[in-house]
Amino acid sequence: MKSRETTMDASALKRPRRWHILVFLLPALAVYTAVMILPLIETLRQSFYNTVDGQYAFVGLSNFKVLFGDPRWAADFWNALRNNFVFFLIHMAVQNPIGIALAAMLSIPKLRFSAFYRTAIFLPTLLSFVIVGFIWKLILSPIWGVAPYLMDLVGMKWLFAPWLGRPDSALIAVSLISVWQYVGIPMMLIYAALLNIPDEVIEAAELDGVTGWSQFWKIKLPLILPAIGIVSILTFVGNFNAFDLIYTVQGALAGPDGSTDILGTLLYRTFFGFQLQLGDRSMGATIAAIMFLIILAGVSLYLFVIQRRMRRYQF
């Protein structure tokens, strides 16, 4: 009798199965699968198929051989890949350090109007890329733009040039426009990480005479390295998925002379076609597969190598 009561008590103590969690997750999982997982699988599948003698057939790695071996395809691909890396490095070298510096200044307790500054800096990230691209094309226009006039007011008009129309400066100009729009994201992430540092750590540092920027470099920066790592990998993924801003500012051809062409714009022209170029869904899927593999490699490097080394700095 006692054993039966003990069994009943044990079963009563068992945690109930929370089926409602699965019920709530199913709609989101179904939508994510429909718009992300299935298209990804289909894209990877299409990269191994092509039209042969009028029939859609499995061709193995032939599409990849054409992409890397055919002179015309290879030239466009390597140009886009090189520009994409430059686009990413400019964001890493300009956007993220500025975001960290802004977050450090906004985290100063005695700073007045900090909420206004945060809002003003983050606001461009909420704007449509079409609006941002159109506004900056107007600003930088050598004909009706305000940039020459503003630079003339400070005696620097001689530095102005049609940056968006020159092959040697167009990619840098578009990258800096992107930095202006998205610098608020790393700023807010780093700002949140700085606020998460325990007050006891800051007080102990102040008792040891470590204040100001010395406190930031020696105490705060090591503690926010995980957040900086998150910002870096988000920048990497976002830049190698980039398309919209360059398409708005420079068009599908990513001119002048392909100087702003990145993998996203190359994929668009290849898959859908543009002007006299016919769309090729198999080669477009091949470029998309390469983009996926590049992003997967970068994320894996971060998760399995870099992140493990940064865990030692977590508080």
C-alpha atoms as a PDB file:
ATOM      1  CA  MET A   1       0.000   0.000   0.000  1.00  0.00           C
ATOM      2  CA  LYS A   2       2.792   2.331   0.926  1.00  0.00           C
ATOM      3  CA  SER A   3       4.656   1.585  -2.281  1.00  0.00           C
ATOM      4  CA  ARG A   4       1.535   2.396  -4.290  1.00  0.00           C
ATOM      5  CA  GLU A   5       1.142   5.705  -2.460  1.00  0.00           C
ATOM      6  CA  THR A   6       4.817   6.436  -3.019  1.00  0.00           C
ATOM      7  CA  THR A   7       4.409   5.775  -6.764  1.00  0.00           C
ATOM      8  CA  MET A   8       1.362   8.027  -6.894  1.00  0.00           C
ATOM      9  CA  ASP A   9       3.209  10.795  -5.053  1.00  0.00           C
ATOM     10  CA  ALA A  10       6.173  10.470  -7.426  1.00  0.00           C
ATOM     11  CA  SER A  11       3.916  10.672 -10.461  1.00  0.00           C
ATOM     12  CA  ALA A  12       2.149  13.650  -8.939  1.00  0.00           C
ATOM     13  CA  LEU A  13       5.474  15.374  -8.474  1.00  0.00           C
ATOM     14  CA  LYS A  14       6.393  14.905 -12.123  1.00  0.00           C
ATOM     15  CA  ARG A  15       6.324  18.092 -14.070  1.00  0.00           C
ATOM     16  CA  PRO A  16       3.401  18.255 -16.494  1.00  0.00           C
ATOM     17  CA  ARG A  17       4.196  18.171 -20.167  1.00  0.00           C
ATOM     18  CA  ARG A  18       3.890  21.662 -21.554  1.00  0.00           C
ATOM     19  CA  TRP A  19       2.354  20.927 -24.917  1.00  0.00           C
ATOM     20  CA  HIS A  20       1.135  24.498 -25.195  1.00  0.00           C
ATOM     21  CA  ILE A  21       4.745  25.638 -25.802  1.00  0.00           C
ATOM     22  CA  LEU A  22       4.886  23.496 -28.931  1.00  0.00           C
ATOM     23  CA  VAL A  23       1.519  24.839 -30.032  1.00  0.00           C
ATOM     24  CA  PHE A  24       2.743  28.421 -29.755  1.00  0.00           C
ATOM     25  CA  LEU A  25       6.001  27.619 -31.555  1.00  0.00           C
ATOM     26  CA  LEU A  26       4.419  25.800 -34.494  1.00  0.00           C
ATOM     27  CA  PRO A  27       3.077  28.898 -36.361  1.00  0.00           C
ATOM     28  CA  ALA A  28       6.441  30.689 -36.182  1.00  0.00           C
ATOM     29  CA  LEU A  29       8.286  27.481 -37.105  1.00  0.00           C
ATOM     30  CA  ALA A  30       5.968  26.904 -40.070  1.00  0.00           C
ATOM     31  CA  VAL A  31       6.430  30.454 -41.366  1.00  0.00           C
ATOM     32  CA  TYR A  32      10.216  30.318 -40.896  1.00  0.00           C
ATOM     33  CA  THR A  33      10.390  26.974 -42.682  1.00  0.00           C
ATOM     34  CA  ALA A  34       8.253  28.248 -45.557  1.00  0.00           C
ATOM     35  CA  VAL A  35      10.146  31.508 -46.154  1.00  0.00           C
ATOM     36  CA  MET A  36      13.681  30.524 -45.099  1.00  0.00           C
ATOM     37  CA  ILE A  37      14.462  26.813 -44.823  1.00  0.00           C
ATOM     38  CA  LEU A  38      12.645  25.506 -47.911  1.00  0.00           C
ATOM     39  CA  PRO A  39      13.899  28.312 -50.230  1.00  0.00           C
ATOM     40  CA  LEU A  40      17.436  27.702 -48.957  1.00  0.00           C
ATOM     41  CA  ILE A  41      17.199  23.977 -49.656  1.00  0.00           C
ATOM     42  CA  GLU A  42      15.705  24.598 -53.096  1.00  0.00           C
ATOM     43  CA  THR A  43      18.415  27.147 -53.930  1.00  0.00           C
ATOM     44  CA  LEU A  44      21.168  24.718 -52.949  1.00  0.00           C
ATOM     45  CA  ARG A  45      19.455  22.001 -55.008  1.00  0.00           C
ATOM     46  CA  GLN A  46      19.198  24.236 -58.078  1.00  0.00           C
ATOM     47  CA  SER A  47      22.923  24.940 -57.963  1.00  0.00           C
ATOM     48  CA  PHE A  48      23.480  21.305 -59.006  1.00  0.00           C
ATOM     49  CA  TYR A  49      21.034  21.433 -61.935  1.00  0.00           C
ATOM     50  CA  ASN A  50      21.022  23.133 -65.318  1.00  0.00           C
ATOM     51  CA  THR A  51      19.368  22.946 -68.712  1.00  0.00           C
ATOM     52  CA  VAL A  52      21.076  20.412 -71.011  1.00  0.00           C
ATOM     53  CA  ASP A  53      19.674  19.898 -74.527  1.00  0.00           C
ATOM     54  CA  GLY A  54      16.429  21.533 -73.493  1.00  0.00           C
ATOM     55  CA  GLN A  55      16.053  19.280 -70.440  1.00  0.00           C
ATOM     56  CA  TYR A  56      16.498  20.300 -66.809  1.00  0.00           C
ATOM     57  CA  ALA A  57      19.096  17.794 -65.582  1.00  0.00           C
ATOM     58  CA  PHE A  58      21.511  17.129 -62.750  1.00  0.00           C
ATOM     59  CA  VAL A  59      24.987  18.429 -63.662  1.00  0.00           C
ATOM     60  CA  GLY A  60      26.841  18.021 -60.367  1.00  0.00           C
ATOM     61  CA  LEU A  61      29.533  20.665 -59.845  1.00  0.00           C
ATOM     62  CA  SER A  62      29.489  21.888 -63.456  1.00  0.00           C
ATOM     63  CA  ASN A  63      27.883  25.197 -62.501  1.00  0.00           C
ATOM     64  CA  PHE A  64      30.642  25.839 -59.990  1.00  0.00           C
ATOM     65  CA  LYS A  65      33.269  24.953 -62.595  1.00  0.00           C
ATOM     66  CA  VAL A  66      31.712  27.484 -64.969  1.00  0.00           C
ATOM     67  CA  LEU A  67      31.597  30.151 -62.249  1.00  0.00           C
ATOM     68  CA  PHE A  68      35.268  29.719 -61.371  1.00  0.00           C
ATOM     69  CA  GLY A  69      36.623  28.577 -64.726  1.00  0.00           C
ATOM     70  CA  ASP A  70      34.849  30.584 -67.393  1.00  0.00           C
ATOM     71  CA  PRO A  71      36.752  33.881 -67.883  1.00  0.00           C
ATOM     72  CA  ARG A  72      33.612  36.033 -68.094  1.00  0.00           C
ATOM     73  CA  TRP A  73      31.898  34.507 -65.067  1.00  0.00           C
ATOM     74  CA  ALA A  74      35.104  34.340 -63.030  1.00  0.00           C
ATOM     75  CA  ALA A  75      35.975  37.990 -63.674  1.00  0.00           C
ATOM     76  CA  ASP A  76      32.554  39.189 -62.501  1.00  0.00           C
ATOM     77  CA  PHE A  77      32.530  36.867 -59.493  1.00  0.00           C
ATOM     78  CA  TRP A  78      36.005  37.719 -58.191  1.00  0.00           C
ATOM     79  CA  ASN A  79      35.351  41.430 -58.709  1.00  0.00           C
ATOM     80  CA  ALA A  80      32.112  41.185 -56.698  1.00  0.00           C
ATOM     81  CA  LEU A  81      33.777  39.108 -53.966  1.00  0.00           C
ATOM     82  CA  ARG A  82      36.680  41.547 -53.678  1.00  0.00           C
ATOM     83  CA  ASN A  83      34.305  44.512 -53.454  1.00  0.00           C
ATOM     84  CA  ASN A  84      32.256  42.675 -50.853  1.00  0.00           C
ATOM     85  CA  PHE A  85      35.311  42.173 -48.666  1.00  0.00           C
ATOM     86  CA  VAL A  86      36.219  45.866 -49.025  1.00  0.00           C
ATOM     87  CA  PHE A  87      32.632  46.774 -48.130  1.00  0.00           C
ATOM     88  CA  PHE A  88      32.873  44.586 -45.009  1.00  0.00           C
ATOM     89  CA  LEU A  89      36.303  45.865 -43.961  1.00  0.00           C
ATOM     90  CA  ILE A  90      35.171  49.494 -44.191  1.00  0.00           C
ATOM     91  CA  HIS A  91      32.289  48.699 -41.845  1.00  0.00           C
ATOM     92  CA  MET A  92      34.609  46.910 -39.443  1.00  0.00           C
ATOM     93  CA  ALA A  93      37.193  49.697 -39.517  1.00  0.00           C
ATOM     94  CA  VAL A  94      34.792  52.667 -39.423  1.00  0.00           C
ATOM     95  CA  GLN A  95      31.291  51.712 -38.288  1.00  0.00           C
ATOM     96  CA  ASN A  96      32.100  49.464 -35.334  1.00  0.00           C
ATOM     97  CA  PRO A  97      34.849  51.620 -33.738  1.00  0.00           C
ATOM     98  CA  ILE A  98      32.601  54.682 -34.044  1.00  0.00           C
ATOM     99  CA  GLY A  99      29.739  52.689 -32.529  1.00  0.00           C
ATOM    100  CA  ILE A 100      31.938  51.645 -29.593  1.00  0.00           C
ATOM    101  CA  ALA A 101      33.149  55.221 -29.045  1.00  0.00           C
ATOM    102  CA  LEU A 102      29.603  56.603 -29.150  1.00  0.00           C
ATOM    103  CA  ALA A 103      28.389  53.940 -26.736  1.00  0.00           C
ATOM    104  CA  ALA A 104      31.244  54.731 -24.346  1.00  0.00           C
ATOM    105  CA  MET A 105      30.411  58.454 -24.393  1.00  0.00           C
ATOM    106  CA  LEU A 106      26.675  57.883 -24.021  1.00  0.00           C
ATOM    107  CA  SER A 107      27.254  55.622 -21.023  1.00  0.00           C
ATOM    108  CA  ILE A 108      28.819  58.480 -19.050  1.00  0.00           C
ATOM    109  CA  PRO A 109      26.394  58.971 -16.117  1.00  0.00           C
ATOM    110  CA  LYS A 110      26.598  62.778 -16.067  1.00  0.00           C
ATOM    111  CA  LEU A 111      26.079  63.271 -19.793  1.00  0.00           C
ATOM    112  CA  ARG A 112      23.117  65.553 -20.478  1.00  0.00           C
ATOM    113  CA  PHE A 113      20.547  64.827 -23.229  1.00  0.00           C
ATOM    114  CA  SER A 114      21.927  61.307 -23.660  1.00  0.00           C
ATOM    115  CA  ALA A 115      18.468  59.971 -24.567  1.00  0.00           C
ATOM    116  CA  PHE A 116      18.191  62.549 -27.357  1.00  0.00           C
ATOM    117  CA  TYR A 117      21.615  61.635 -28.709  1.00  0.00           C
ATOM    118  CA  ARG A 118      20.791  57.914 -28.687  1.00  0.00           C
ATOM    119  CA  THR A 119      17.552  58.525 -30.546  1.00  0.00           C
ATOM    120  CA  ALA A 120      19.147  60.819 -33.113  1.00  0.00           C
ATOM    121  CA  ILE A 121      21.968  58.391 -33.875  1.00  0.00           C
ATOM    122  CA  PHE A 122      19.720  55.334 -34.026  1.00  0.00           C
ATOM    123  CA  LEU A 123      16.992  56.998 -36.104  1.00  0.00           C
ATOM    124  CA  PRO A 124      18.627  56.440 -39.547  1.00  0.00           C
ATOM    125  CA  THR A 125      18.472  52.670 -39.030  1.00  0.00           C
ATOM    126  CA  LEU A 126      14.676  52.954 -39.047  1.00  0.00           C
ATOM    127  CA  LEU A 127      14.604  54.718 -42.414  1.00  0.00           C
ATOM    128  CA  SER A 128      13.939  52.869 -45.651  1.00  0.00           C
ATOM    129  CA  PHE A 129      17.044  52.136 -47.703  1.00  0.00           C
ATOM    130  CA  VAL A 130      15.257  53.717 -50.673  1.00  0.00           C
ATOM    131  CA  ILE A 131      14.902  56.999 -48.778  1.00  0.00           C
ATOM    132  CA  VAL A 132      18.494  56.881 -47.536  1.00  0.00           C
ATOM    133  CA  GLY A 133      19.887  56.127 -50.983  1.00  0.00           C
ATOM    134  CA  PHE A 134      17.831  58.814 -52.705  1.00  0.00           C
ATOM    135  CA  ILE A 135      18.703  61.466 -50.092  1.00  0.00           C
ATOM    136  CA  TRP A 136      22.436  60.786 -50.298  1.00  0.00           C
ATOM    137  CA  LYS A 137      22.367  60.795 -54.090  1.00  0.00           C
ATOM    138  CA  LEU A 138      20.864  64.274 -53.881  1.00  0.00           C
ATOM    139  CA  ILE A 139      23.350  65.424 -51.240  1.00  0.00           C
ATOM    140  CA  LEU A 140      26.413  64.210 -53.158  1.00  0.00           C
ATOM    141  CA  SER A 141      25.233  65.274 -56.601  1.00  0.00           C
ATOM    142  CA  PRO A 142      27.754  67.686 -58.200  1.00  0.00           C
ATOM    143  CA  ILE A 143      24.897  69.429 -60.044  1.00  0.00           C
ATOM    144  CA  TRP A 144      22.166  70.060 -57.457  1.00  0.00           C
ATOM    145  CA  GLY A 145      23.598  68.546 -54.278  1.00  0.00           C
ATOM    146  CA  VAL A 146      24.174  70.504 -51.077  1.00  0.00           C
ATOM    147  CA  ALA A 147      27.553  68.900 -50.343  1.00  0.00           C
ATOM    148  CA  PRO A 148      29.552  71.324 -52.571  1.00  0.00           C
ATOM    149  CA  TYR A 149      27.773  74.308 -51.004  1.00  0.00           C
ATOM    150  CA  LEU A 150      28.355  73.110 -47.421  1.00  0.00           C
ATOM    151  CA  MET A 151      32.013  72.367 -48.116  1.00  0.00           C
ATOM    152  CA  ASP A 152      32.381  75.812 -49.702  1.00  0.00           C
ATOM    153  CA  LEU A 153      31.135  77.402 -46.465  1.00  0.00           C
ATOM    154  CA  VAL A 154      34.113  75.962 -44.591  1.00  0.00           C
ATOM    155  CA  GLY A 155      36.582  76.601 -47.411  1.00  0.00           C
ATOM    156  CA  MET A 156      36.901  72.932 -48.424  1.00  0.00           C
ATOM    157  CA  LYS A 157      35.073  72.899 -51.745  1.00  0.00           C
ATOM    158  CA  TRP A 158      38.321  72.030 -53.502  1.00  0.00           C
ATOM    159  CA  LEU A 159      38.067  68.605 -51.823  1.00  0.00           C
ATOM    160  CA  PHE A 160      34.673  67.853 -53.356  1.00  0.00           C
ATOM    161  CA  ALA A 161      34.454  65.380 -56.225  1.00  0.00           C
ATOM    162  CA  PRO A 162      31.674  63.307 -57.797  1.00  0.00           C
ATOM    163  CA  TRP A 163      32.511  60.427 -55.466  1.00  0.00           C
ATOM    164  CA  LEU A 164      29.586  58.235 -56.549  1.00  0.00           C
ATOM    165  CA  GLY A 165      30.581  58.624 -60.208  1.00  0.00           C
ATOM    166  CA  ARG A 166      34.256  57.726 -59.932  1.00  0.00           C
ATOM    167  CA  PRO A 167      35.345  54.065 -59.959  1.00  0.00           C
ATOM    168  CA  ASP A 168      38.101  54.689 -57.413  1.00  0.00           C
ATOM    169  CA  SER A 169      35.807  56.268 -54.804  1.00  0.00           C
ATOM    170  CA  ALA A 170      32.280  54.964 -55.470  1.00  0.00           C
ATOM    171  CA  LEU A 171      32.561  51.866 -53.265  1.00  0.00           C
ATOM    172  CA  ILE A 172      34.016  53.860 -50.372  1.00  0.00           C
ATOM    173  CA  ALA A 173      31.251  56.468 -50.708  1.00  0.00           C
ATOM    174  CA  VAL A 174      28.478  53.851 -50.706  1.00  0.00           C
ATOM    175  CA  SER A 175      30.111  52.066 -47.760  1.00  0.00           C
ATOM    176  CA  LEU A 176      30.205  55.290 -45.741  1.00  0.00           C
ATOM    177  CA  ILE A 177      26.537  55.919 -46.538  1.00  0.00           C
ATOM    178  CA  SER A 178      25.810  52.457 -45.149  1.00  0.00           C
ATOM    179  CA  VAL A 179      27.936  53.250 -42.085  1.00  0.00           C
ATOM    180  CA  TRP A 180      25.940  56.436 -41.496  1.00  0.00           C
ATOM    181  CA  GLN A 181      22.671  54.511 -41.678  1.00  0.00           C
ATOM    182  CA  TYR A 182      23.594  51.533 -39.486  1.00  0.00           C
ATOM    183  CA  VAL A 183      26.097  52.873 -36.944  1.00  0.00           C
ATOM    184  CA  GLY A 184      23.245  53.055 -34.436  1.00  0.00           C
ATOM    185  CA  ILE A 185      22.999  49.253 -34.223  1.00  0.00           C
ATOM    186  CA  PRO A 186      26.520  48.563 -32.851  1.00  0.00           C
ATOM    187  CA  MET A 187      26.187  51.674 -30.685  1.00  0.00           C
ATOM    188  CA  MET A 188      23.030  50.350 -28.988  1.00  0.00           C
ATOM    189  CA  LEU A 189      24.393  46.806 -28.568  1.00  0.00           C
ATOM    190  CA  ILE A 190      27.641  48.018 -27.016  1.00  0.00           C
ATOM    191  CA  TYR A 191      25.735  50.566 -24.933  1.00  0.00           C
ATOM    192  CA  ALA A 192      23.553  47.786 -23.503  1.00  0.00           C
ATOM    193  CA  ALA A 193      26.663  45.721 -22.731  1.00  0.00           C
ATOM    194  CA  LEU A 194      28.267  48.672 -20.916  1.00  0.00           C
ATOM    195  CA  LEU A 195      25.157  49.182 -18.804  1.00  0.00           C
ATOM    196  CA  ASN A 196      25.249  45.482 -17.897  1.00  0.00           C
ATOM    197  CA  ILE A 197      28.638  45.813 -16.185  1.00  0.00           C
ATOM    198  CA  PRO A 198      28.079  45.508 -12.394  1.00  0.00           C
ATOM    199  CA  ASP A 199      28.461  48.725 -10.420  1.00  0.00           C
ATOM    200  CA  GLU A 200      30.755  46.915  -7.981  1.00  0.00           C
ATOM    201  CA  VAL A 201      33.362  46.469 -10.703  1.00  0.00           C
ATOM    202  CA  ILE A 202      33.289  50.176 -11.592  1.00  0.00           C
ATOM    203  CA  GLU A 203      33.456  51.212  -7.938  1.00  0.00           C
ATOM    204  CA  ALA A 204      36.415  48.915  -7.295  1.00  0.00           C
ATOM    205  CA  ALA A 205      38.217  50.400 -10.288  1.00  0.00           C
ATOM    206  CA  GLU A 206      37.569  53.929  -9.052  1.00  0.00           C
ATOM    207  CA  LEU A 207      38.920  53.035  -5.625  1.00  0.00           C
ATOM    208  CA  ASP A 208      42.097  51.867  -7.343  1.00  0.00           C
ATOM    209  CA  GLY A 209      42.321  55.213  -9.151  1.00  0.00           C
ATOM    210  CA  VAL A 210      41.296  53.894 -12.564  1.00  0.00           C
ATOM    211  CA  THR A 211      38.907  56.434 -14.085  1.00  0.00           C
ATOM    212  CA  GLY A 212      37.993  58.025 -17.405  1.00  0.00           C
ATOM    213  CA  TRP A 213      39.254  56.491 -20.621  1.00  0.00           C
ATOM    214  CA  SER A 214      41.790  54.427 -18.710  1.00  0.00           C
ATOM    215  CA  GLN A 215      38.884  52.717 -16.974  1.00  0.00           C
ATOM    216  CA  PHE A 216      37.238  52.038 -20.319  1.00  0.00           C
ATOM    217  CA  TRP A 217      40.341  50.461 -21.884  1.00  0.00           C
ATOM    218  CA  LYS A 218      41.426  48.435 -18.863  1.00  0.00           C
ATOM    219  CA  ILE A 219      38.118  47.460 -17.229  1.00  0.00           C
ATOM    220  CA  LYS A 220      35.114  47.935 -19.486  1.00  0.00           C
ATOM    221  CA  LEU A 221      36.525  46.922 -22.859  1.00  0.00           C
ATOM    222  CA  PRO A 222      37.559  43.384 -21.796  1.00  0.00           C
ATOM    223  CA  LEU A 223      34.110  42.861 -20.283  1.00  0.00           C
ATOM    224  CA  ILE A 224      32.261  43.862 -23.466  1.00  0.00           C
ATOM    225  CA  LEU A 225      34.382  41.770 -25.840  1.00  0.00           C
ATOM    226  CA  PRO A 226      31.579  39.179 -26.231  1.00  0.00           C
ATOM    227  CA  ALA A 227      29.224  41.974 -27.327  1.00  0.00           C
ATOM    228  CA  ILE A 228      31.853  43.272 -29.760  1.00  0.00           C
ATOM    229  CA  GLY A 229      32.120  39.747 -31.157  1.00  0.00           C
ATOM    230  CA  ILE A 230      28.346  39.635 -31.687  1.00  0.00           C
ATOM    231  CA  VAL A 231      28.482  43.019 -33.432  1.00  0.00           C
ATOM    232  CA  SER A 232      31.319  41.819 -35.661  1.00  0.00           C
ATOM    233  CA  ILE A 233      29.558  38.659 -36.801  1.00  0.00           C
ATOM    234  CA  LEU A 234      26.309  40.566 -37.386  1.00  0.00           C
ATOM    235  CA  THR A 235      28.290  43.024 -39.501  1.00  0.00           C
ATOM    236  CA  PHE A 236      29.822  40.157 -41.461  1.00  0.00           C
ATOM    237  CA  VAL A 237      26.480  38.481 -42.144  1.00  0.00           C
ATOM    238  CA  GLY A 238      24.769  41.770 -42.993  1.00  0.00           C
ATOM    239  CA  ASN A 239      27.500  42.933 -45.380  1.00  0.00           C
ATOM    240  CA  PHE A 240      27.668  39.663 -47.291  1.00  0.00           C
ATOM    241  CA  ASN A 241      23.876  39.739 -47.619  1.00  0.00           C
ATOM    242  CA  ALA A 242      23.913  43.392 -48.705  1.00  0.00           C
ATOM    243  CA  PHE A 243      22.073  44.426 -51.826  1.00  0.00           C
ATOM    244  CA  ASP A 244      19.396  47.049 -51.221  1.00  0.00           C
ATOM    245  CA  LEU A 245      21.458  50.201 -50.598  1.00  0.00           C
ATOM    246  CA  ILE A 246      23.860  49.634 -53.498  1.00  0.00           C
ATOM    247  CA  TYR A 247      20.939  48.826 -55.786  1.00  0.00           C
ATOM    248  CA  THR A 248      19.215  52.077 -54.749  1.00  0.00           C
ATOM    249  CA  VAL A 249      22.283  54.301 -55.077  1.00  0.00           C
ATOM    250  CA  GLN A 250      24.132  52.736 -58.019  1.00  0.00           C
ATOM    251  CA  GLY A 251      21.504  50.590 -59.750  1.00  0.00           C
ATOM    252  CA  ALA A 252      21.578  46.908 -60.676  1.00  0.00           C
ATOM    253  CA  LEU A 253      24.763  47.340 -62.721  1.00  0.00           C
ATOM    254  CA  ALA A 254      26.512  48.620 -59.561  1.00  0.00           C
ATOM    255  CA  GLY A 255      28.474  51.195 -61.497  1.00  0.00           C
ATOM    256  CA  PRO A 256      30.521  52.943 -62.461  1.00  0.00           C
ATOM    257  CA  ASP A 257      32.139  50.109 -64.399  1.00  0.00           C
ATOM    258  CA  GLY A 258      31.197  47.505 -61.773  1.00  0.00           C
ATOM    259  CA  SER A 259      33.225  49.253 -59.066  1.00  0.00           C
ATOM    260  CA  THR A 260      30.434  48.843 -56.485  1.00  0.00           C
ATOM    261  CA  ASP A 261      29.316  45.393 -57.623  1.00  0.00           C
ATOM    262  CA  ILE A 262      29.028  42.957 -54.724  1.00  0.00           C
ATOM    263  CA  LEU A 263      27.720  39.412 -54.478  1.00  0.00           C
ATOM    264  CA  GLY A 264      24.152  40.567 -53.845  1.00  0.00           C
ATOM    265  CA  THR A 265      23.930  42.682 -56.994  1.00  0.00           C
ATOM    266  CA  LEU A 266      25.715  40.026 -59.050  1.00  0.00           C
ATOM    267  CA  LEU A 267      23.198  37.468 -57.806  1.00  0.00           C
ATOM    268  CA  TYR A 268      20.292  39.744 -58.738  1.00  0.00           C
ATOM    269  CA  ARG A 269      21.488  40.324 -62.301  1.00  0.00           C
ATOM    270  CA  THR A 270      22.358  36.672 -62.816  1.00  0.00           C
ATOM    271  CA  PHE A 271      19.147  35.184 -61.450  1.00  0.00           C
ATOM    272  CA  PHE A 272      16.568  37.682 -62.703  1.00  0.00           C
ATOM    273  CA  GLY A 273      18.432  39.198 -65.649  1.00  0.00           C
ATOM    274  CA  PHE A 274      18.859  42.891 -66.379  1.00  0.00           C
ATOM    275  CA  GLN A 275      18.533  44.847 -69.613  1.00  0.00           C
ATOM    276  CA  LEU A 276      20.036  42.618 -72.351  1.00  0.00           C
ATOM    277  CA  GLN A 277      21.265  39.988 -69.877  1.00  0.00           C
ATOM    278  CA  LEU A 278      18.909  37.024 -69.595  1.00  0.00           C
ATOM    279  CA  GLY A 279      18.255  35.471 -66.224  1.00  0.00           C
ATOM    280  CA  ASP A 280      19.914  32.165 -65.403  1.00  0.00           C
ATOM    281  CA  ARG A 281      18.398  30.578 -62.321  1.00  0.00           C
ATOM    282  CA  SER A 282      20.992  27.792 -62.144  1.00  0.00           C
ATOM    283  CA  MET A 283      23.978  30.157 -62.129  1.00  0.00           C
ATOM    284  CA  GLY A 284      22.097  32.503 -59.823  1.00  0.00           C
ATOM    285  CA  ALA A 285      21.536  29.627 -57.403  1.00  0.00           C
ATOM    286  CA  THR A 286      25.244  28.775 -57.686  1.00  0.00           C
ATOM    287  CA  ILE A 287      26.239  32.304 -56.647  1.00  0.00           C
ATOM    288  CA  ALA A 288      23.694  32.150 -53.806  1.00  0.00           C
ATOM    289  CA  ALA A 289      25.203  28.838 -52.661  1.00  0.00           C
ATOM    290  CA  ILE A 290      28.682  30.415 -52.594  1.00  0.00           C
ATOM    291  CA  MET A 291      27.306  33.310 -50.533  1.00  0.00           C
ATOM    292  CA  PHE A 292      25.737  30.822 -48.121  1.00  0.00           C
ATOM    293  CA  LEU A 293      29.006  28.919 -47.748  1.00  0.00           C
ATOM    294  CA  ILE A 294      30.984  32.129 -47.120  1.00  0.00           C
ATOM    295  CA  ILE A 295      28.549  33.251 -44.435  1.00  0.00           C
ATOM    296  CA  LEU A 296      28.448  29.751 -42.919  1.00  0.00           C
ATOM    297  CA  ALA A 297      32.247  29.667 -42.764  1.00  0.00           C
ATOM    298  CA  GLY A 298      32.415  33.078 -41.085  1.00  0.00           C
ATOM    299  CA  VAL A 299      29.739  32.238 -38.520  1.00  0.00           C
ATOM    300  CA  SER A 300      31.338  28.853 -37.765  1.00  0.00           C
ATOM    301  CA  LEU A 301      34.728  30.493 -37.276  1.00  0.00           C
ATOM    302  CA  TYR A 302      33.162  32.885 -34.788  1.00  0.00           C
ATOM    303  CA  LEU A 303      31.147  30.261 -32.889  1.00  0.00           C
ATOM    304  CA  PHE A 304      33.776  27.535 -32.623  1.00  0.00           C
ATOM    305  CA  VAL A 305      37.018  29.523 -32.460  1.00  0.00           C
ATOM    306  CA  ILE A 306      36.650  33.192 -31.566  1.00  0.00           C
ATOM    307  CA  GLN A 307      33.730  32.952 -29.133  1.00  0.00           C
ATOM    308  CA  ARG A 308      35.415  30.211 -27.086  1.00  0.00           C
ATOM    309  CA  ARG A 309      38.466  32.392 -26.608  1.00  0.00           C
ATOM    310  CA  MET A 310      36.370  35.380 -25.520  1.00  0.00           C
ATOM    311  CA  ARG A 311      34.430  33.525 -22.827  1.00  0.00           C
ATOM    312  CA  ARG A 312      37.260  34.057 -20.387  1.00  0.00           C
ATOM    313  CA  TYR A 313      36.428  37.793 -20.352  1.00  0.00           C
ATOM    314  CA  GLN A 314      32.780  37.325 -19.415  1.00  0.00           C
ATOM    315  CA  PHE A 315      31.948  38.574 -15.948  1.00  0.00           C
END
